[in-house]
Amino acid sequence: MSEPQNDSEGWTRFDYSAPDGLRLAGRLYGGDNEGPLPVVCLAGLTRNSADFHELALYLAYEANPRRKVLCLDYRGRGMSAWDRNWENYNPLTEAEDVLAGAIAAGIGEAAIIGTSRGGMIAMILAAMRPAMLKAVVLNDVGPEIDGQGLLRIRAYVEKGRDFDNWADATDAVQAIGQNQFPGFDRKDWQRHARLIFEDKNGKVVRRYDPKIMNTLKSIDIDGPLPSLWPQFVGLKRVPLLVVRGSRSDLLSRETVEKMHVEHPTMRSTVVADQGHAPDLGSAGLPERIATFINRVETPDEATASPAA
């Protein structure tokens, strides 16, 4: 299932099949790290496994204990094949794909780290396969989504296009995200551009299927947005850490407060001067996440009073 690739970068390519036979892939870090609770990382709507590179390197090779980390590309993203039917780009199908990936990797129990869309999938997994989730980290996502943030994401996907060179691609990424991440410099934006785009046939192209946009067109921003509170209830029994960007336009402070009420042992942290979604490889987050997962494996600490 896993073939060596990019070992100099600390990961191997992981290939597997979706329940409907579509070819899917991801990154496996620390594949020989058996024993400690493994980690499964799930990216945002149009994002991919590369988003977790710095975090995965830390958890797999620097943290104590070292963990196996599986970062999956949903169908139509990253290294995974595009689906001919864009209607399959939905959280339920993607959750089923995640389960297939975990089974293929021999992972029965895991800590799930979900950014945005990935956090929604984590909540769905809590209902589909509750025994699998031993800890969850939600990165800038909750059971309520701010309409302004969703509007920005939809506009970003609508305006998405390919470019002739990396300078233009970087300019576009910076223009869209600079209000959310005012502290990023040009090198940061260049790095983020390479997470979203890749070189292909002399062009700088998106690492996702543009038809994903179709899934957002039916959402009425002016009306009540879908709620995931019923799914969030499924996380009550699971140790939970919520990461929120101080400038986030998708996860509000008020929603996090409500989440604390519903999940009294939930822990949360705010990342200063970052919006949606915080870079999990920065701001001391790898260490914070490693400590959180370690506590899960020490029951007395995992059930202690939550820290903000």
C-alpha atoms as a PDB file:
ATOM      1  CA  MET A   1       0.000   0.000   0.000  1.00  0.00           C
ATOM      2  CA  SER A   2       2.914   2.361   0.655  1.00  0.00           C
ATOM      3  CA  GLU A   3       5.812   2.934  -1.721  1.00  0.00           C
ATOM      4  CA  PRO A   4       8.952   4.900  -0.796  1.00  0.00           C
ATOM      5  CA  GLN A   5       8.881   8.430  -2.144  1.00  0.00           C
ATOM      6  CA  ASN A   6      10.411  11.710  -1.028  1.00  0.00           C
ATOM      7  CA  ASP A   7      12.175  10.054   1.912  1.00  0.00           C
ATOM      8  CA  SER A   8      14.440  13.107   2.045  1.00  0.00           C
ATOM      9  CA  GLU A   9      11.322  15.040   3.054  1.00  0.00           C
ATOM     10  CA  GLY A  10      10.337  12.467   5.655  1.00  0.00           C
ATOM     11  CA  TRP A  11       7.294  10.885   4.024  1.00  0.00           C
ATOM     12  CA  THR A  12       6.279   8.086   1.708  1.00  0.00           C
ATOM     13  CA  ARG A  13       3.393   8.104  -0.714  1.00  0.00           C
ATOM     14  CA  PHE A  14       0.397   6.085   0.475  1.00  0.00           C
ATOM     15  CA  ASP A  15      -1.972   4.738  -2.199  1.00  0.00           C
ATOM     16  CA  TYR A  16      -5.328   3.096  -1.586  1.00  0.00           C
ATOM     17  CA  SER A  17      -8.785   2.707  -3.134  1.00  0.00           C
ATOM     18  CA  ALA A  18     -12.045   4.385  -2.176  1.00  0.00           C
ATOM     19  CA  PRO A  19     -15.109   2.185  -1.600  1.00  0.00           C
ATOM     20  CA  ASP A  20     -16.228   2.999  -5.164  1.00  0.00           C
ATOM     21  CA  GLY A  21     -12.811   2.117  -6.588  1.00  0.00           C
ATOM     22  CA  LEU A  22     -11.446   5.641  -7.167  1.00  0.00           C
ATOM     23  CA  ARG A  23      -7.678   5.857  -6.712  1.00  0.00           C
ATOM     24  CA  LEU A  24      -6.781   7.896  -3.639  1.00  0.00           C
ATOM     25  CA  ALA A  25      -3.483   8.817  -2.022  1.00  0.00           C
ATOM     26  CA  GLY A  26      -1.817  10.585   0.850  1.00  0.00           C
ATOM     27  CA  ARG A  27       1.399  10.977   2.806  1.00  0.00           C
ATOM     28  CA  LEU A  28       2.661   8.594   5.468  1.00  0.00           C
ATOM     29  CA  TYR A  29       5.160   9.890   8.007  1.00  0.00           C
ATOM     30  CA  GLY A  30       6.929   7.617  10.477  1.00  0.00           C
ATOM     31  CA  GLY A  31       5.414   4.485   9.017  1.00  0.00           C
ATOM     32  CA  ASP A  32       7.509   2.309  11.341  1.00  0.00           C
ATOM     33  CA  ASN A  33       6.369   4.140  14.487  1.00  0.00           C
ATOM     34  CA  GLU A  34       4.208   1.366  15.886  1.00  0.00           C
ATOM     35  CA  GLY A  35       2.806   1.485  19.412  1.00  0.00           C
ATOM     36  CA  PRO A  36       1.790   5.057  20.237  1.00  0.00           C
ATOM     37  CA  LEU A  37      -1.613   6.291  19.073  1.00  0.00           C
ATOM     38  CA  PRO A  38      -1.363   7.143  15.356  1.00  0.00           C
ATOM     39  CA  VAL A  39      -2.532  10.453  13.915  1.00  0.00           C
ATOM     40  CA  VAL A  40      -4.754  11.011  10.867  1.00  0.00           C
ATOM     41  CA  CYS A  41      -4.707  14.517   9.345  1.00  0.00           C
ATOM     42  CA  LEU A  42      -7.591  15.849   7.237  1.00  0.00           C
ATOM     43  CA  ALA A  43      -7.264  19.063   5.218  1.00  0.00           C
ATOM     44  CA  GLY A  44      -9.618  21.865   4.200  1.00  0.00           C
ATOM     45  CA  LEU A  45     -12.040  22.059   1.278  1.00  0.00           C
ATOM     46  CA  THR A  46      -9.569  22.483  -1.599  1.00  0.00           C
ATOM     47  CA  ARG A  47      -6.418  21.726   0.367  1.00  0.00           C
ATOM     48  CA  ASN A  48      -4.278  18.607   0.581  1.00  0.00           C
ATOM     49  CA  SER A  49      -1.917  16.533   2.690  1.00  0.00           C
ATOM     50  CA  ALA A  50       1.016  18.904   2.156  1.00  0.00           C
ATOM     51  CA  ASP A  51      -0.626  21.386   4.544  1.00  0.00           C
ATOM     52  CA  PHE A  52       0.401  19.197   7.476  1.00  0.00           C
ATOM     53  CA  HIS A  53       4.059  18.689   6.504  1.00  0.00           C
ATOM     54  CA  GLU A  54       5.727  20.606   9.344  1.00  0.00           C
ATOM     55  CA  LEU A  55       3.304  19.281  11.969  1.00  0.00           C
ATOM     56  CA  ALA A  56       3.652  15.704  10.699  1.00  0.00           C
ATOM     57  CA  LEU A  57       7.448  15.904  10.714  1.00  0.00           C
ATOM     58  CA  TYR A  58       7.361  16.996  14.346  1.00  0.00           C
ATOM     59  CA  LEU A  59       4.898  14.331  15.486  1.00  0.00           C
ATOM     60  CA  ALA A  60       6.662  11.546  13.562  1.00  0.00           C
ATOM     61  CA  TYR A  61      10.325  12.365  14.173  1.00  0.00           C
ATOM     62  CA  GLU A  62      10.788  14.906  16.978  1.00  0.00           C
ATOM     63  CA  ALA A  63       8.023  14.476  19.535  1.00  0.00           C
ATOM     64  CA  ASN A  64       8.213  11.960  22.363  1.00  0.00           C
ATOM     65  CA  PRO A  65       6.804   9.464  21.633  1.00  0.00           C
ATOM     66  CA  ARG A  66       7.150   9.439  17.874  1.00  0.00           C
ATOM     67  CA  ARG A  67       3.883   8.651  16.110  1.00  0.00           C
ATOM     68  CA  LYS A  68       2.747   7.302  12.779  1.00  0.00           C
ATOM     69  CA  VAL A  69       1.057  10.170  10.899  1.00  0.00           C
ATOM     70  CA  LEU A  70      -1.240   9.599   7.917  1.00  0.00           C
ATOM     71  CA  CYS A  71      -2.224  12.707   5.925  1.00  0.00           C
ATOM     72  CA  LEU A  72      -4.902  11.968   3.343  1.00  0.00           C
ATOM     73  CA  ASP A  73      -5.850  13.699   0.098  1.00  0.00           C
ATOM     74  CA  TYR A  74      -9.604  13.650  -0.506  1.00  0.00           C
ATOM     75  CA  ARG A  75     -10.870  12.673  -3.945  1.00  0.00           C
ATOM     76  CA  GLY A  76     -10.200  15.489  -6.392  1.00  0.00           C
ATOM     77  CA  ARG A  77      -7.361  16.957  -4.324  1.00  0.00           C
ATOM     78  CA  GLY A  78      -3.604  16.612  -4.182  1.00  0.00           C
ATOM     79  CA  MET A  79      -2.350  13.228  -5.372  1.00  0.00           C
ATOM     80  CA  SER A  80      -5.811  11.623  -5.454  1.00  0.00           C
ATOM     81  CA  ALA A  81      -7.757  11.087  -8.675  1.00  0.00           C
ATOM     82  CA  TRP A  82     -10.550  13.438  -9.704  1.00  0.00           C
ATOM     83  CA  ASP A  83     -14.109  12.133  -9.586  1.00  0.00           C
ATOM     84  CA  ARG A  84     -16.139  12.232 -12.814  1.00  0.00           C
ATOM     85  CA  ASN A  85     -19.218  12.968 -10.696  1.00  0.00           C
ATOM     86  CA  TRP A  86     -18.627  16.209  -8.787  1.00  0.00           C
ATOM     87  CA  GLU A  87     -21.571  15.432  -6.503  1.00  0.00           C
ATOM     88  CA  ASN A  88     -19.296  12.923  -4.770  1.00  0.00           C
ATOM     89  CA  TYR A  89     -17.298  15.855  -3.422  1.00  0.00           C
ATOM     90  CA  ASN A  90     -19.292  15.837  -0.208  1.00  0.00           C
ATOM     91  CA  PRO A  91     -18.296  15.300   3.450  1.00  0.00           C
ATOM     92  CA  LEU A  92     -20.126  11.986   3.836  1.00  0.00           C
ATOM     93  CA  THR A  93     -18.420  10.366   0.850  1.00  0.00           C
ATOM     94  CA  GLU A  94     -15.109  11.828   1.957  1.00  0.00           C
ATOM     95  CA  ALA A  95     -15.620  10.431   5.469  1.00  0.00           C
ATOM     96  CA  GLU A  96     -16.146   6.990   3.953  1.00  0.00           C
ATOM     97  CA  ASP A  97     -12.933   7.483   1.968  1.00  0.00           C
ATOM     98  CA  VAL A  98     -11.070   8.391   5.167  1.00  0.00           C
ATOM     99  CA  LEU A  99     -12.271   5.200   6.824  1.00  0.00           C
ATOM    100  CA  ALA A 100     -11.056   3.219   3.810  1.00  0.00           C
ATOM    101  CA  GLY A 101      -7.665   4.907   4.062  1.00  0.00           C
ATOM    102  CA  ALA A 102      -7.373   4.197   7.774  1.00  0.00           C
ATOM    103  CA  ILE A 103      -8.266   0.540   7.239  1.00  0.00           C
ATOM    104  CA  ALA A 104      -5.730   0.248   4.410  1.00  0.00           C
ATOM    105  CA  ALA A 105      -3.070   1.715   6.708  1.00  0.00           C
ATOM    106  CA  GLY A 106      -3.957  -0.677   9.504  1.00  0.00           C
ATOM    107  CA  ILE A 107      -5.223   2.125  11.737  1.00  0.00           C
ATOM    108  CA  GLY A 108      -8.134   1.151  13.968  1.00  0.00           C
ATOM    109  CA  GLU A 109      -7.826   3.935  16.537  1.00  0.00           C
ATOM    110  CA  ALA A 110      -6.360   7.388  16.005  1.00  0.00           C
ATOM    111  CA  ALA A 111      -6.104  11.004  16.966  1.00  0.00           C
ATOM    112  CA  ILE A 112      -7.848  12.968  14.206  1.00  0.00           C
ATOM    113  CA  ILE A 113      -6.619  16.436  13.259  1.00  0.00           C
ATOM    114  CA  GLY A 114      -9.082  18.227  10.995  1.00  0.00           C
ATOM    115  CA  THR A 115      -8.698  21.651   9.416  1.00  0.00           C
ATOM    116  CA  SER A 116     -11.963  23.297   8.308  1.00  0.00           C
ATOM    117  CA  ARG A 117     -13.601  20.667   6.038  1.00  0.00           C
ATOM    118  CA  GLY A 118     -11.465  18.056   7.772  1.00  0.00           C
ATOM    119  CA  GLY A 119     -12.969  19.007  11.123  1.00  0.00           C
ATOM    120  CA  MET A 120     -16.463  18.547   9.716  1.00  0.00           C
ATOM    121  CA  ILE A 121     -15.443  15.104   8.529  1.00  0.00           C
ATOM    122  CA  ALA A 122     -14.080  14.339  12.006  1.00  0.00           C
ATOM    123  CA  MET A 123     -17.499  15.146  13.472  1.00  0.00           C
ATOM    124  CA  ILE A 124     -19.142  12.844  10.932  1.00  0.00           C
ATOM    125  CA  LEU A 125     -16.658  10.096  11.801  1.00  0.00           C
ATOM    126  CA  ALA A 126     -17.686  10.432  15.449  1.00  0.00           C
ATOM    127  CA  ALA A 127     -21.119   9.194  14.385  1.00  0.00           C
ATOM    128  CA  MET A 128     -19.966   6.680  11.764  1.00  0.00           C
ATOM    129  CA  ARG A 129     -17.104   5.046  13.670  1.00  0.00           C
ATOM    130  CA  PRO A 130     -17.036   6.354  17.270  1.00  0.00           C
ATOM    131  CA  ALA A 131     -14.572   3.722  18.493  1.00  0.00           C
ATOM    132  CA  MET A 132     -11.940   4.990  16.050  1.00  0.00           C
ATOM    133  CA  LEU A 133     -11.673   8.492  17.526  1.00  0.00           C
ATOM    134  CA  LYS A 134      -9.467   8.607  20.622  1.00  0.00           C
ATOM    135  CA  ALA A 135      -8.711  12.329  20.357  1.00  0.00           C
ATOM    136  CA  VAL A 136      -9.711  15.149  18.013  1.00  0.00           C
ATOM    137  CA  VAL A 137      -8.128  18.479  17.101  1.00  0.00           C
ATOM    138  CA  LEU A 138     -10.457  20.873  15.265  1.00  0.00           C
ATOM    139  CA  ASN A 139      -8.513  23.568  13.442  1.00  0.00           C
ATOM    140  CA  ASP A 140     -10.670  26.681  13.047  1.00  0.00           C
ATOM    141  CA  VAL A 141     -13.944  24.870  12.587  1.00  0.00           C
ATOM    142  CA  GLY A 142     -16.950  24.111  14.734  1.00  0.00           C
ATOM    143  CA  PRO A 143     -20.614  23.156  14.543  1.00  0.00           C
ATOM    144  CA  GLU A 144     -21.533  26.690  13.412  1.00  0.00           C
ATOM    145  CA  ILE A 145     -19.913  28.377  10.421  1.00  0.00           C
ATOM    146  CA  ASP A 146     -19.753  32.133   9.980  1.00  0.00           C
ATOM    147  CA  GLY A 147     -21.392  33.139   6.694  1.00  0.00           C
ATOM    148  CA  GLN A 148     -18.770  35.782   5.918  1.00  0.00           C
ATOM    149  CA  GLY A 149     -16.015  33.210   6.043  1.00  0.00           C
ATOM    150  CA  LEU A 150     -17.931  30.841   3.794  1.00  0.00           C
ATOM    151  CA  LEU A 151     -18.575  33.698   1.364  1.00  0.00           C
ATOM    152  CA  ARG A 152     -14.844  34.447   1.233  1.00  0.00           C
ATOM    153  CA  ILE A 153     -14.005  30.786   0.629  1.00  0.00           C
ATOM    154  CA  ARG A 154     -16.594  30.564  -2.150  1.00  0.00           C
ATOM    155  CA  ALA A 155     -15.204  33.689  -3.801  1.00  0.00           C
ATOM    156  CA  TYR A 156     -11.681  32.274  -3.506  1.00  0.00           C
ATOM    157  CA  VAL A 157     -12.679  29.016  -5.199  1.00  0.00           C
ATOM    158  CA  GLU A 158     -14.722  30.858  -7.863  1.00  0.00           C
ATOM    159  CA  LYS A 159     -11.747  33.046  -8.756  1.00  0.00           C
ATOM    160  CA  GLY A 160      -9.319  30.134  -8.694  1.00  0.00           C
ATOM    161  CA  ARG A 161      -7.362  29.657 -11.900  1.00  0.00           C
ATOM    162  CA  ASP A 162      -4.055  28.421 -13.235  1.00  0.00           C
ATOM    163  CA  PHE A 163      -1.047  30.674 -13.847  1.00  0.00           C
ATOM    164  CA  ASP A 164       1.898  30.996 -16.204  1.00  0.00           C
ATOM    165  CA  ASN A 165       4.454  31.442 -13.436  1.00  0.00           C
ATOM    166  CA  TRP A 166       4.953  31.163  -9.684  1.00  0.00           C
ATOM    167  CA  ALA A 167       5.202  34.910  -9.122  1.00  0.00           C
ATOM    168  CA  ASP A 168       1.651  35.443 -10.387  1.00  0.00           C
ATOM    169  CA  ALA A 169       0.350  32.464  -8.406  1.00  0.00           C
ATOM    170  CA  THR A 170       1.976  33.799  -5.244  1.00  0.00           C
ATOM    171  CA  ASP A 171       0.522  37.266  -5.864  1.00  0.00           C
ATOM    172  CA  ALA A 172      -2.964  35.751  -6.107  1.00  0.00           C
ATOM    173  CA  VAL A 173      -2.617  33.714  -2.910  1.00  0.00           C
ATOM    174  CA  GLN A 174      -1.262  36.731  -1.049  1.00  0.00           C
ATOM    175  CA  ALA A 175      -4.054  39.018  -2.272  1.00  0.00           C
ATOM    176  CA  ILE A 176      -6.695  36.594  -1.035  1.00  0.00           C
ATOM    177  CA  GLY A 177      -5.117  35.816   2.322  1.00  0.00           C
ATOM    178  CA  GLN A 178      -3.209  38.878   3.486  1.00  0.00           C
ATOM    179  CA  ASN A 179      -6.071  40.227   5.619  1.00  0.00           C
ATOM    180  CA  GLN A 180      -6.281  36.881   7.414  1.00  0.00           C
ATOM    181  CA  PHE A 181      -2.512  36.579   7.866  1.00  0.00           C
ATOM    182  CA  PRO A 182      -1.013  40.084   8.149  1.00  0.00           C
ATOM    183  CA  GLY A 183       2.220  38.750   9.630  1.00  0.00           C
ATOM    184  CA  PHE A 184       3.136  36.594   6.636  1.00  0.00           C
ATOM    185  CA  ASP A 185       6.064  37.773   4.529  1.00  0.00           C
ATOM    186  CA  ARG A 186       6.752  37.023   0.863  1.00  0.00           C
ATOM    187  CA  LYS A 187       8.503  33.744   1.676  1.00  0.00           C
ATOM    188  CA  ASP A 188       5.454  32.594   3.640  1.00  0.00           C
ATOM    189  CA  TRP A 189       3.197  33.329   0.684  1.00  0.00           C
ATOM    190  CA  GLN A 190       5.557  31.564  -1.707  1.00  0.00           C
ATOM    191  CA  ARG A 191       5.455  28.496   0.541  1.00  0.00           C
ATOM    192  CA  HIS A 192       1.668  28.571   0.734  1.00  0.00           C
ATOM    193  CA  ALA A 193       1.355  28.975  -3.028  1.00  0.00           C
ATOM    194  CA  ARG A 194       3.283  25.733  -3.456  1.00  0.00           C
ATOM    195  CA  LEU A 195       0.801  23.984  -1.168  1.00  0.00           C
ATOM    196  CA  ILE A 196      -2.072  25.019  -3.439  1.00  0.00           C
ATOM    197  CA  PHE A 197      -0.449  24.803  -6.892  1.00  0.00           C
ATOM    198  CA  GLU A 198       1.997  22.556  -8.728  1.00  0.00           C
ATOM    199  CA  ASP A 199       4.019  22.601 -11.955  1.00  0.00           C
ATOM    200  CA  LYS A 200       2.330  20.734 -14.786  1.00  0.00           C
ATOM    201  CA  ASN A 201       2.895  20.961 -18.540  1.00  0.00           C
ATOM    202  CA  GLY A 202       4.632  24.307 -18.246  1.00  0.00           C
ATOM    203  CA  LYS A 203       1.861  25.871 -16.169  1.00  0.00           C
ATOM    204  CA  VAL A 204       1.307  26.483 -12.467  1.00  0.00           C
ATOM    205  CA  VAL A 205      -1.948  24.611 -11.891  1.00  0.00           C
ATOM    206  CA  ARG A 206      -4.334  24.064  -8.999  1.00  0.00           C
ATOM    207  CA  ARG A 207      -3.938  20.898  -6.955  1.00  0.00           C
ATOM    208  CA  TYR A 208      -7.687  20.338  -6.861  1.00  0.00           C
ATOM    209  CA  ASP A 209     -10.601  19.749  -9.224  1.00  0.00           C
ATOM    210  CA  PRO A 210     -12.282  23.104 -10.059  1.00  0.00           C
ATOM    211  CA  LYS A 211     -15.652  21.319 -10.049  1.00  0.00           C
ATOM    212  CA  ILE A 212     -15.480  21.332  -6.245  1.00  0.00           C
ATOM    213  CA  MET A 213     -16.912  24.832  -6.650  1.00  0.00           C
ATOM    214  CA  ASN A 214     -20.219  23.281  -7.711  1.00  0.00           C
ATOM    215  CA  THR A 215     -20.748  21.990  -4.175  1.00  0.00           C
ATOM    216  CA  LEU A 216     -20.750  25.550  -2.811  1.00  0.00           C
ATOM    217  CA  LYS A 217     -23.147  27.098  -5.326  1.00  0.00           C
ATOM    218  CA  SER A 218     -26.243  25.633  -3.678  1.00  0.00           C
ATOM    219  CA  ILE A 219     -25.499  27.158  -0.260  1.00  0.00           C
ATOM    220  CA  ASP A 220     -27.639  30.207   0.524  1.00  0.00           C
ATOM    221  CA  ILE A 221     -25.305  32.555   2.389  1.00  0.00           C
ATOM    222  CA  ASP A 222     -28.220  34.838   3.303  1.00  0.00           C
ATOM    223  CA  GLY A 223     -30.229  32.038   4.910  1.00  0.00           C
ATOM    224  CA  PRO A 224     -29.531  29.816   7.921  1.00  0.00           C
ATOM    225  CA  LEU A 225     -26.363  27.816   7.340  1.00  0.00           C
ATOM    226  CA  PRO A 226     -26.285  24.063   8.005  1.00  0.00           C
ATOM    227  CA  SER A 227     -25.551  23.229  11.632  1.00  0.00           C
ATOM    228  CA  LEU A 228     -23.335  20.410  12.847  1.00  0.00           C
ATOM    229  CA  TRP A 229     -24.399  20.530  16.488  1.00  0.00           C
ATOM    230  CA  PRO A 230     -25.954  17.027  16.306  1.00  0.00           C
ATOM    231  CA  GLN A 231     -22.640  15.693  14.991  1.00  0.00           C
ATOM    232  CA  PHE A 232     -20.668  17.687  17.565  1.00  0.00           C
ATOM    233  CA  VAL A 233     -22.555  15.901  20.342  1.00  0.00           C
ATOM    234  CA  GLY A 234     -20.793  12.741  19.196  1.00  0.00           C
ATOM    235  CA  LEU A 235     -17.486  14.277  20.284  1.00  0.00           C
ATOM    236  CA  LYS A 236     -18.575  14.727  23.914  1.00  0.00           C
ATOM    237  CA  ARG A 237     -16.881  11.509  24.961  1.00  0.00           C
ATOM    238  CA  VAL A 238     -13.701  12.300  22.993  1.00  0.00           C
ATOM    239  CA  PRO A 239     -10.813  14.463  24.286  1.00  0.00           C
ATOM    240  CA  LEU A 240     -11.022  17.596  22.146  1.00  0.00           C
ATOM    241  CA  LEU A 241      -8.692  20.499  21.374  1.00  0.00           C
ATOM    242  CA  VAL A 242      -9.988  23.447  19.332  1.00  0.00           C
ATOM    243  CA  VAL A 243      -7.562  25.788  17.575  1.00  0.00           C
ATOM    244  CA  ARG A 244      -8.938  29.163  16.501  1.00  0.00           C
ATOM    245  CA  GLY A 245      -7.235  31.960  14.608  1.00  0.00           C
ATOM    246  CA  SER A 246      -7.725  35.329  16.285  1.00  0.00           C
ATOM    247  CA  ARG A 247      -8.653  36.818  12.887  1.00  0.00           C
ATOM    248  CA  SER A 248     -10.846  33.911  11.798  1.00  0.00           C
ATOM    249  CA  ASP A 249     -13.972  34.763   9.826  1.00  0.00           C
ATOM    250  CA  LEU A 250     -15.233  31.170   9.896  1.00  0.00           C
ATOM    251  CA  LEU A 251     -15.135  30.175  13.587  1.00  0.00           C
ATOM    252  CA  SER A 252     -16.349  32.864  15.985  1.00  0.00           C
ATOM    253  CA  ARG A 253     -15.368  33.355  19.609  1.00  0.00           C
ATOM    254  CA  GLU A 254     -19.037  32.919  20.531  1.00  0.00           C
ATOM    255  CA  THR A 255     -19.205  29.515  18.850  1.00  0.00           C
ATOM    256  CA  VAL A 256     -16.123  28.347  20.750  1.00  0.00           C
ATOM    257  CA  GLU A 257     -17.780  29.447  24.001  1.00  0.00           C
ATOM    258  CA  LYS A 258     -20.874  27.405  23.115  1.00  0.00           C
ATOM    259  CA  MET A 259     -18.652  24.435  22.324  1.00  0.00           C
ATOM    260  CA  HIS A 260     -17.103  24.673  25.792  1.00  0.00           C
ATOM    261  CA  VAL A 261     -20.596  24.520  27.304  1.00  0.00           C
ATOM    262  CA  GLU A 262     -21.520  21.432  25.274  1.00  0.00           C
ATOM    263  CA  HIS A 263     -18.126  19.783  25.839  1.00  0.00           C
ATOM    264  CA  PRO A 264     -16.982  20.840  29.354  1.00  0.00           C
ATOM    265  CA  THR A 265     -13.574  19.116  29.159  1.00  0.00           C
ATOM    266  CA  MET A 266     -12.743  20.614  25.758  1.00  0.00           C
ATOM    267  CA  ARG A 267      -9.491  22.536  25.526  1.00  0.00           C
ATOM    268  CA  SER A 268      -9.022  25.512  23.224  1.00  0.00           C
ATOM    269  CA  THR A 269      -6.270  27.818  22.107  1.00  0.00           C
ATOM    270  CA  VAL A 270      -6.188  31.027  20.055  1.00  0.00           C
ATOM    271  CA  VAL A 271      -3.437  31.738  17.517  1.00  0.00           C
ATOM    272  CA  ALA A 272      -2.623  35.445  17.435  1.00  0.00           C
ATOM    273  CA  ASP A 273      -2.591  37.328  14.116  1.00  0.00           C
ATOM    274  CA  GLN A 274      -3.745  34.337  12.076  1.00  0.00           C
ATOM    275  CA  GLY A 275      -7.124  33.814  10.459  1.00  0.00           C
ATOM    276  CA  HIS A 276      -8.679  30.862   8.676  1.00  0.00           C
ATOM    277  CA  ALA A 277      -7.106  28.489   9.049  1.00  0.00           C
ATOM    278  CA  PRO A 278      -4.096  28.699  11.397  1.00  0.00           C
ATOM    279  CA  ASP A 279      -0.842  27.189  10.153  1.00  0.00           C
ATOM    280  CA  LEU A 280      -0.463  24.098  12.357  1.00  0.00           C
ATOM    281  CA  GLY A 281       3.284  24.105  11.791  1.00  0.00           C
ATOM    282  CA  SER A 282       3.681  27.502  13.452  1.00  0.00           C
ATOM    283  CA  ALA A 283       3.137  29.373  16.721  1.00  0.00           C
ATOM    284  CA  GLY A 284       4.167  26.440  18.917  1.00  0.00           C
ATOM    285  CA  LEU A 285       1.187  24.399  17.720  1.00  0.00           C
ATOM    286  CA  PRO A 286       3.142  21.185  16.980  1.00  0.00           C
ATOM    287  CA  GLU A 287       4.310  21.070  20.598  1.00  0.00           C
ATOM    288  CA  ARG A 288       0.857  21.966  21.908  1.00  0.00           C
ATOM    289  CA  ILE A 289      -0.810  19.260  19.823  1.00  0.00           C
ATOM    290  CA  ALA A 290       1.795  16.648  20.791  1.00  0.00           C
ATOM    291  CA  THR A 291       1.251  17.444  24.474  1.00  0.00           C
ATOM    292  CA  PHE A 292      -2.518  17.174  24.051  1.00  0.00           C
ATOM    293  CA  ILE A 293      -2.294  13.746  22.410  1.00  0.00           C
ATOM    294  CA  ASN A 294       0.155  12.556  25.068  1.00  0.00           C
ATOM    295  CA  ARG A 295      -2.363  13.500  27.752  1.00  0.00           C
ATOM    296  CA  VAL A 296      -4.998  11.428  26.006  1.00  0.00           C
ATOM    297  CA  GLU A 297      -2.813   8.391  26.582  1.00  0.00           C
ATOM    298  CA  THR A 298      -2.584   9.331  30.288  1.00  0.00           C
ATOM    299  CA  PRO A 299      -6.251   9.140  31.391  1.00  0.00           C
ATOM    300  CA  ASP A 300      -5.841  11.101  34.643  1.00  0.00           C
ATOM    301  CA  GLU A 301      -4.429  14.083  32.740  1.00  0.00           C
ATOM    302  CA  ALA A 302      -6.837  13.785  29.811  1.00  0.00           C
ATOM    303  CA  THR A 303      -9.831  14.227  32.114  1.00  0.00           C
ATOM    304  CA  ALA A 304      -8.348  17.145  34.020  1.00  0.00           C
ATOM    305  CA  SER A 305      -9.960  20.581  33.830  1.00  0.00           C
ATOM    306  CA  PRO A 306      -9.565  22.179  30.388  1.00  0.00           C
ATOM    307  CA  ALA A 307      -6.983  24.868  29.722  1.00  0.00           C
ATOM    308  CA  ALA A 308      -7.743  27.812  27.480  1.00  0.00           C
END
